[in-house]
Structures are given as structure tokens and as C-alpha cells.
Protein backbone atom coordinates (compact mmCIF):
# COMPACT_ATOMS: atom_id res chain seq x y z
CA UNK A 1 106.80 123.20 73.20
CA UNK A 2 109.64 120.74 74.00
CA UNK A 3 108.90 117.71 75.79
CA UNK A 4 110.87 114.87 77.23
CA UNK A 5 109.68 112.33 74.45
CA UNK A 6 111.21 115.26 71.55
CA UNK A 7 114.30 114.74 73.20
CA UNK A 8 114.69 110.83 72.18
CA UNK A 9 114.09 109.13 75.75
CA UNK A 10 113.47 105.82 76.25
CA UNK A 11 110.09 105.89 78.46
CA UNK A 12 108.38 102.99 78.85
CA UNK A 13 104.57 102.77 78.40
CA UNK A 14 102.01 103.86 75.46
CA UNK A 15 100.97 107.82 76.08
CA UNK A 16 97.42 108.77 75.25
CA UNK A 17 96.74 111.21 71.99
CA UNK A 18 98.19 114.50 74.09
CA UNK A 19 100.11 112.60 76.50
CA UNK A 20 98.41 114.83 78.88
CA UNK A 21 96.20 114.04 82.32
CA UNK A 22 93.52 115.44 80.09
CA UNK A 23 93.29 112.45 77.68
CA UNK A 24 91.01 110.85 80.09
CA UNK A 25 87.61 111.55 78.71
CA UNK A 26 85.55 114.64 80.60
CA UNK A 27 88.65 115.88 82.41
CA UNK A 28 89.73 119.64 81.84
CA UNK A 29 92.34 121.67 83.19
CA UNK A 30 92.91 125.61 83.40
CA UNK A 31 95.24 128.27 84.52
CA UNK A 32 95.61 131.49 85.77
CA UNK A 33 99.19 132.57 85.43
CA UNK A 34 100.77 135.55 87.33
CA UNK A 35 104.01 137.12 86.26
CA UNK A 36 104.04 140.74 87.32
CA UNK A 37 107.22 143.10 88.23
CA UNK A 38 110.09 141.58 90.04
CA UNK A 39 108.34 139.67 93.01
CA UNK A 40 104.99 138.38 91.09
CA UNK A 41 105.81 134.56 90.30
CA UNK A 42 102.77 132.77 91.25
CA UNK A 43 99.53 131.18 89.77
CA UNK A 44 96.40 128.45 89.99
CA UNK A 45 96.11 125.34 88.30
CA UNK A 46 92.62 124.07 88.09
CA UNK A 47 91.70 120.32 87.54
CA UNK A 48 88.29 119.21 86.79
CA UNK A 49 87.43 115.40 86.64
CA UNK A 50 84.24 115.40 84.87
CA UNK A 51 84.61 118.55 83.82
CA UNK A 52 82.56 122.09 84.31
CA UNK A 53 79.10 120.78 83.64
CA UNK A 54 79.21 117.60 85.45
CA UNK A 55 81.78 118.80 88.19
CA UNK A 56 78.95 117.82 90.93
CA UNK A 57 79.05 114.23 89.80
CA UNK A 58 81.34 112.45 92.55
CA UNK A 59 84.32 110.12 91.27
CA UNK A 60 85.83 107.65 93.44
CA UNK A 61 88.93 108.63 94.98
CA UNK A 62 91.48 108.53 97.49
CA UNK A 63 94.78 110.44 98.82
CA UNK A 64 97.97 109.46 100.14
CA UNK A 65 100.92 111.16 101.81
CA UNK A 66 104.70 110.58 101.11
CA UNK A 67 105.66 113.76 103.58
CA UNK A 68 102.93 115.96 105.40
CA UNK A 69 105.04 118.88 105.55
CA UNK A 70 102.11 120.72 102.97
CA UNK A 71 98.56 120.98 102.68
CA UNK A 72 95.41 119.32 100.67
CA UNK A 73 92.25 120.45 102.18
CA UNK A 74 89.53 117.99 102.40
CA UNK A 75 91.16 115.21 102.98
CA UNK A 76 89.25 114.08 106.07
CA UNK A 77 86.07 113.86 103.76
CA UNK A 78 87.75 111.64 100.89
CA UNK A 79 89.12 109.39 103.55
CA UNK A 80 85.68 108.98 105.08
CA UNK A 81 83.90 108.50 102.16
CA UNK A 82 86.31 107.82 99.21
CA UNK A 83 84.18 110.42 97.28
CA UNK A 84 85.53 113.58 95.43
CA UNK A 85 83.50 116.35 93.80
CA UNK A 86 84.08 120.05 92.70
CA UNK A 87 87.37 121.43 91.03
CA UNK A 88 91.00 120.13 92.50
CA UNK A 89 92.69 123.55 92.92
CA UNK A 90 96.91 123.63 93.15
CA UNK A 91 98.38 126.84 94.27
CA UNK A 92 101.20 128.81 96.43
CA UNK A 93 101.35 128.17 100.29
CA UNK A 94 99.91 130.88 101.68
CA UNK A 95 96.72 131.03 98.88
CA UNK A 96 95.32 127.94 99.87
CA UNK A 97 92.56 129.94 101.96
CA UNK A 98 91.74 132.29 98.76
CA UNK A 99 91.59 129.11 96.33
CA UNK A 100 89.63 127.32 98.74
CA UNK A 101 86.93 130.30 98.67
CA UNK A 102 87.04 131.00 95.31
CA UNK A 103 86.37 127.37 94.30
CA UNK A 104 83.13 127.97 96.30
CA UNK A 105 82.35 131.13 94.98
CA UNK A 106 82.41 129.79 91.74
CA UNK A 107 79.80 127.13 92.75
CA UNK A 108 77.37 129.38 94.02
CA UNK A 109 77.99 131.46 90.73
CA UNK A 110 77.25 128.64 88.87
CA UNK A 111 75.20 126.10 90.09
CA UNK A 112 73.59 127.87 93.60
CA UNK A 113 71.67 124.24 94.18
CA UNK A 114 74.84 122.58 94.32
CA UNK A 115 75.82 124.75 97.13
CA UNK A 116 72.97 124.34 99.05
CA UNK A 117 74.16 121.94 101.61
CA UNK A 118 77.97 122.21 102.17
CA UNK A 119 81.30 122.47 100.01
CA UNK A 120 84.92 120.80 100.87
CA UNK A 121 87.11 121.83 98.11
CA UNK A 122 90.43 119.94 97.40
CA UNK A 123 93.26 122.89 97.47
CA UNK A 124 96.71 121.77 97.78
CA UNK A 125 100.03 123.80 97.43
CA UNK A 126 103.58 124.22 97.25
CA UNK A 127 105.79 126.62 98.28
CA UNK A 128 106.91 129.24 95.43
CA UNK A 129 108.99 131.53 97.73
CA UNK A 130 112.24 131.64 96.34
CA UNK A 131 110.99 133.08 92.81
CA UNK A 132 107.74 134.82 94.56
CA UNK A 133 106.56 136.92 97.52
CA UNK A 134 104.81 134.33 99.17
CA UNK A 135 103.60 136.62 101.82
CA UNK A 136 102.34 139.17 99.50
CA UNK A 137 98.18 138.85 99.07
CA UNK A 138 99.14 138.11 95.29
CA UNK A 139 96.29 135.62 94.60
CA UNK A 140 92.59 136.35 95.10
CA UNK A 141 89.43 134.76 95.21
CA UNK A 142 89.20 135.70 91.48
CA UNK A 143 92.08 134.22 90.35
CA UNK A 144 90.99 130.82 91.41
CA UNK A 145 87.47 131.30 89.68
CA UNK A 146 89.30 132.52 86.14
CA UNK A 147 91.57 129.43 86.47
CA UNK A 148 88.33 127.08 87.06
CA UNK A 149 86.67 129.13 83.93
CA UNK A 150 89.86 128.69 81.84
CA UNK A 151 89.76 124.68 82.35
CA UNK A 152 89.56 122.89 78.93
CA UNK A 153 90.11 119.52 77.42
CA UNK A 154 92.80 118.91 75.05
CA UNK A 155 96.63 119.48 75.01
CA UNK A 156 97.73 121.81 77.86
CA UNK A 157 100.55 124.05 78.42
CA UNK A 158 103.29 122.87 80.92
CA UNK A 159 106.33 124.21 82.97
CA UNK A 160 105.71 127.86 84.33
CA UNK A 161 102.53 127.99 84.14
CA UNK A 162 99.30 128.19 86.87
CA UNK A 163 100.01 127.12 90.02
CA UNK A 164 103.43 126.16 88.72
CA UNK A 165 104.61 129.32 87.65
CA UNK A 166 107.24 130.25 90.65
CA UNK A 167 108.34 126.61 91.20
CA UNK A 168 111.90 124.81 91.14
CA UNK A 169 112.57 121.13 90.78
CA UNK A 170 116.12 119.87 91.37
CA UNK A 171 117.51 123.37 91.62
CA UNK A 172 116.20 124.11 87.92
CA UNK A 173 113.09 125.50 86.82
CA UNK A 174 110.18 123.35 87.91
CA UNK A 175 106.60 123.90 88.02
CA UNK A 176 103.48 121.86 86.07
CA UNK A 177 103.93 119.10 84.10
CA UNK A 178 101.56 115.84 82.89
CA UNK A 179 101.64 112.67 80.94
CA UNK A 180 99.46 109.82 80.33
CA UNK A 181 99.34 105.99 79.62
CA UNK A 182 96.79 103.87 77.95
CA UNK A 183 96.20 100.44 80.03
CA UNK A 184 94.64 97.45 78.10
CA UNK A 185 92.04 95.19 80.36
CA UNK A 186 90.74 92.35 78.49
CA UNK A 187 88.22 94.09 75.67
CA UNK A 188 88.69 97.04 77.40
CA UNK A 189 91.16 100.42 77.15
CA UNK A 190 91.66 102.70 79.56
CA UNK A 191 93.81 105.80 80.66
CA UNK A 192 95.53 106.90 83.56
CA UNK A 193 96.80 110.41 83.70
CA UNK A 194 99.33 112.16 85.99
CA UNK A 195 99.47 116.29 86.46
CA UNK A 196 102.50 117.20 88.47
CA UNK A 197 103.43 120.24 90.11
CA UNK A 198 106.85 119.92 91.01
CA UNK A 199 108.72 121.83 93.64
CA UNK A 200 111.30 119.47 94.98
CA UNK A 201 114.73 117.61 94.99
CA UNK A 202 118.24 118.44 95.03
CA UNK A 203 120.45 119.09 91.96
CA UNK A 204 122.94 116.24 92.78
CA UNK A 205 119.70 113.87 93.19
CA UNK A 206 118.54 114.60 89.15
CA UNK A 207 118.14 111.35 87.54
CA UNK A 208 116.58 111.22 83.73
CA UNK A 209 115.60 107.94 82.34
CA UNK A 210 118.16 105.90 84.83
CA UNK A 211 121.15 108.31 84.05
CA UNK A 212 122.36 110.18 87.15
CA UNK A 213 122.96 113.37 85.49
CA UNK A 214 122.92 115.93 88.78
CA UNK A 215 126.19 115.51 89.67
CA UNK A 216 127.46 116.43 86.18
CA UNK A 217 125.23 119.55 85.73
CA UNK A 218 126.00 120.44 89.31
CA UNK A 219 127.50 124.05 88.17
CA UNK A 220 124.85 127.24 87.68
CA UNK A 221 123.00 126.02 90.89
CA UNK A 222 121.95 129.38 92.88
CA UNK A 223 119.92 127.10 94.80
CA UNK A 224 122.91 125.64 96.31
CA UNK A 225 123.54 128.64 98.58
CA UNK A 226 121.22 128.02 100.89
CA UNK A 227 122.21 131.39 102.77
CA UNK A 228 118.87 132.43 101.25
CA UNK A 229 116.79 129.99 103.88
CA UNK A 230 115.97 126.56 102.71
CA UNK A 231 118.39 123.41 102.22
CA UNK A 232 118.47 121.78 98.89
CA UNK A 233 115.52 119.68 98.32
CA UNK A 234 112.81 121.59 100.41
CA UNK A 235 110.08 122.80 98.45
CA UNK A 236 106.87 119.89 97.87
CA UNK A 237 105.37 118.13 95.32
CA UNK A 238 101.82 117.67 94.32
CA UNK A 239 100.53 114.98 92.28
CA UNK A 240 96.85 114.10 91.08
CA UNK A 241 96.45 110.97 89.33
CA UNK A 242 93.10 110.23 87.23
CA UNK A 243 91.75 107.35 85.59
CA UNK A 244 88.46 106.33 83.41
CA UNK A 245 89.22 102.88 84.59
CA UNK A 246 86.17 101.89 87.28
CA UNK A 247 88.05 101.27 90.86
CA UNK A 248 87.07 101.33 94.15
CA UNK A 249 87.95 104.19 96.58
CA UNK A 250 90.68 101.65 98.28
CA UNK A 251 91.84 101.19 94.52
CA UNK A 252 92.34 104.61 94.17
CA UNK A 253 94.56 104.95 97.02
CA UNK A 254 96.76 102.30 96.44
CA UNK A 255 96.97 104.24 93.07
CA UNK A 256 98.11 107.19 94.97
CA UNK A 257 100.41 105.06 97.01
CA UNK A 258 102.41 104.24 93.61
CA UNK A 259 103.23 107.60 93.17
CA UNK A 260 106.51 107.80 94.83
CA UNK A 261 108.01 105.12 93.37
CA UNK A 262 107.40 107.34 89.77
CA UNK A 263 108.88 110.55 91.75
CA UNK A 264 111.78 108.20 93.04
CA UNK A 265 112.92 107.78 89.21
CA UNK A 266 113.76 111.26 88.70
CA UNK A 267 115.77 111.11 91.85
CA UNK A 268 114.31 112.17 94.54
CA UNK A 269 114.66 110.87 98.23
CA UNK A 270 111.72 112.73 99.93
CA UNK A 271 112.96 115.51 101.87
CA UNK A 272 111.59 116.50 104.77
CA UNK A 273 111.10 119.71 103.62
CA UNK A 274 109.26 118.94 101.13
CA UNK A 275 105.02 118.34 101.51
CA UNK A 276 104.46 115.16 99.04
CA UNK A 277 101.11 114.74 98.59
CA UNK A 278 98.81 112.83 96.29
CA UNK A 279 95.30 112.36 95.24
CA UNK A 280 94.03 110.01 92.65
CA UNK A 281 90.27 109.44 91.19
CA UNK A 282 88.57 107.46 89.25
CA UNK A 283 85.49 108.70 86.87
CA UNK A 284 83.67 105.72 85.94
CA UNK A 285 80.53 104.61 88.10
CA UNK A 286 78.89 108.17 87.53
CA UNK A 287 76.33 108.24 90.14
CA UNK A 288 77.36 105.87 92.79
CA UNK A 289 79.27 107.49 96.10
CA UNK A 290 76.62 109.99 96.33
CA UNK A 291 76.53 111.80 99.60
CA UNK A 292 73.71 114.62 100.50
CA UNK A 293 71.26 114.74 102.76
CA UNK A 294 68.11 112.27 102.13
CA UNK A 295 65.70 112.84 99.43
CA UNK A 296 62.41 111.46 98.50
CA UNK A 297 63.59 110.02 95.18
CA UNK A 298 66.50 108.38 96.24
CA UNK A 299 67.55 104.96 95.19
CA UNK A 300 68.00 102.55 98.15
CA UNK A 301 71.48 101.32 96.96
CA UNK A 302 74.12 101.93 94.95
CA UNK A 303 76.37 99.92 92.88
CA UNK A 304 79.90 100.10 91.63
CA UNK A 305 81.46 98.24 88.74
CA UNK A 306 85.61 97.57 89.60
CA UNK A 307 88.67 96.41 88.16
CA UNK A 308 89.62 93.16 90.16
CA UNK A 309 92.28 93.68 92.97
CA UNK A 310 94.24 90.47 90.98
CA UNK A 311 94.26 92.40 87.57
CA UNK A 312 95.11 96.14 89.02
CA UNK A 313 98.98 95.83 88.65
CA UNK A 314 98.89 97.37 84.79
CA UNK A 315 97.78 100.60 86.52
CA UNK A 316 100.25 100.84 89.33
CA UNK A 317 102.53 100.45 86.45
CA UNK A 318 101.07 102.99 84.37
CA UNK A 319 101.29 105.55 87.48
CA UNK A 320 104.77 105.12 88.06
CA UNK A 321 105.25 105.77 84.04
CA UNK A 322 103.10 108.88 83.76
CA UNK A 323 104.25 110.39 87.08
CA UNK A 324 107.91 110.00 86.06
CA UNK A 325 107.07 111.58 82.82
CA UNK A 326 105.57 114.77 84.06
CA UNK A 327 107.92 115.61 86.04
CA UNK A 328 110.66 115.48 83.46
CA UNK A 329 108.22 117.06 80.87
CA UNK A 330 107.69 120.04 83.76
CA UNK A 331 111.72 120.67 83.89
CA UNK A 332 111.85 120.00 79.43
CA UNK A 333 109.38 122.98 78.85
CA UNK A 334 110.53 125.97 81.17
CA UNK A 335 113.10 128.84 80.53
CA UNK A 336 115.43 130.42 83.17
CA UNK A 337 113.39 132.43 85.46
CA UNK A 338 114.50 135.52 87.72
CA UNK A 339 111.92 136.84 90.63
CA UNK A 340 111.83 137.85 94.09
CA UNK A 341 115.02 139.61 95.71
CA UNK A 342 116.74 139.13 92.33
CA UNK A 343 116.51 135.29 93.05
CA UNK A 344 117.39 133.00 89.60
CA UNK A 345 116.73 129.29 88.81
CA UNK A 346 118.47 128.16 85.54
CA UNK A 347 116.42 125.84 82.99
CA UNK A 348 117.47 122.57 82.81
CA UNK A 349 120.09 122.49 80.19
CA UNK A 350 118.76 120.49 77.38
CA UNK A 351 121.85 120.54 75.01
CA UNK A 352 123.93 118.91 77.60
CA UNK A 353 121.02 116.68 78.64
CA UNK A 354 121.16 115.33 75.60
CA UNK A 355 124.87 114.36 75.66
CA UNK A 356 124.60 112.75 78.80
CA UNK A 357 125.92 115.85 80.63
């Protein structure tokens, strides 16, 4: 699988061993990819911050919305408590409900005790209606369960996989991309990783490692004919950022607020018709931020260790770098796709990219 770094781009920062969100210890990612007939180009992505075995252990977390023309369930509870449990799923716009229910089904199957009180899964979406029949009941609860079951650590696939299967980016084939950065802090070293479901941006905006290539690559852009439905730049982007650095919920929110800076490096100006929603979590401080009905053996207090606010800038930088590269990876690891109603989306022409268009 070709990735952005394979093309010799000057990208800042030090990646982890797989240059993926799964470089964070414990994080697992799984996909259900559905490509069938002429009109099914969709799927589900599952991200498990602590893996399947510890999915119910809370993580510190925060969210940010650059533009609210989209959906990410569970945000009210995250804002209230700063506590994230359960797998995080990303899918197609009209399949949020099925994935929400599927996550609950998976928890009930795996750990009925964890479903005894209440479950508020986080499910986010982007719109794949150019290549996929978005209104068809293609995705079912079992597809969400299968994505969670498939979650694994190590290197993960990118491009037209999982929830990113039918997505487009800057008028090219987009979808799923990931990247990571290693951050030194005193005597310790931490990882910041990002996973992007890229379905945003108009062709003229595309910027690669500081070079404005979109105008030079303006030819072969079927999506420029907006008589099909939407204006250029419509779509959405979901970004999940994770780290093993110890962070407060407010600091996770601050990381999520830096995601747009990484997206902007690839050229986007943030279309009104693009739902741009971001989640950041920290896998440190296991045992803190619990929220369940009172139990006799509960400790009277919980404590958290965290990076001082004055030392957080390197983590902001890592978010920006990882998000930029994750988008580029989503574009590079792709092939042309034809789907619903004969709509075609070309892949980014890598040879022209390397030649500066």
C-alpha cells in the first residue's frame, strides 16, 4: 500500500512504527467494507481506544465542531463528564442509527454487565451519496458488530475501506487515512495518532505539503458538474485523535480544536455543506472519570495525572502534523471508483503529484 511518505514528501514530526492511530498502545481499529453491485459503496469503521478487552474503562475525552452539518452521537455526555467508553464508530450519514444499535448489541453480547445501566455510543458520519445509494438500508446492525469484532492493533488499511469506502476528497477518491507522531515529554515519550474519514474539499483547494496542486489537477473532475446535486466542497470529515499522554478532558478538547489546522494544511476552507466534527481521547489515567450508579466498594475520590498546560504545545503540533498526513494517506492509498448512477471518481494521479502537477 502506497502512503504519502513513500512519495518523498517533506512532512514534519516523527511517526510511530506503523504511522497509525494504532501506534497508541491498546488502540484497535476494525472495518466492515461493503462493495456490491453498482450502488453499494459504504461501510463501518470501529475504533476501540482500549481494545475489546477493556472497552468499558473510561478515557478522558473532548470534542469540537468546526461545522455542525453532520452528526456525532454522545457529545452531550462527553461534554458533561469528559468520559468516553465503548467503541467509536464512523459510517455513512443515514446509517448512524444502525451502528448505534449495533454497538449496543455488541456490548450486550460480550459483556451484559456493562450494559446493565445505560449505553451512549459515539457514532459519527460522512455522506457517501455520490458513489453509494445512501438511502438504501444497506448497513445493518450486524455490520457494526462485525467492524468491532474485526478490530486489531498494528498496521491498518487505508483508502476505500470501512466507513470511508464511498467517500471523496478534493474531487478525488477519499476515505480512511491515519498517521501518528511521537512526542517527547521530559524523560517520557508519548504517541499522538489520528484517524480521518475524509469526504471534504473542492478540487481547486487541494494543497500537498505546501504546494497548491488543485488548480493544476483541475481536469478529470466529474464532481465539478454540480447538476448531480451538491456544490463542490460538500461532504464532511470526521477525525478521531488519540494519545497515551495523560490529559484532562479539557486538554483533549484543546487537541480536538487543533484538528482544523491540520485539515487547512491540505487546503480546505471549511464548506458550509461539510459536517466537520472531531473527537480526541487519552488512554492514560485508567480508573478515573468513572460514572456509574454508586456501589459500596467505590473509592470516595478519584485522581488524575496530566501534562501541565504550559507543556502542551508539542502535542498540539503533533495533532496538526498527524491530521495533515492522515488526509494525504487517504488520498494516496486509493483507486478510481465508479458507483451509484454511474458516478465516477478518479484517484489522485500520483505521477503528476510527484512532478508537481
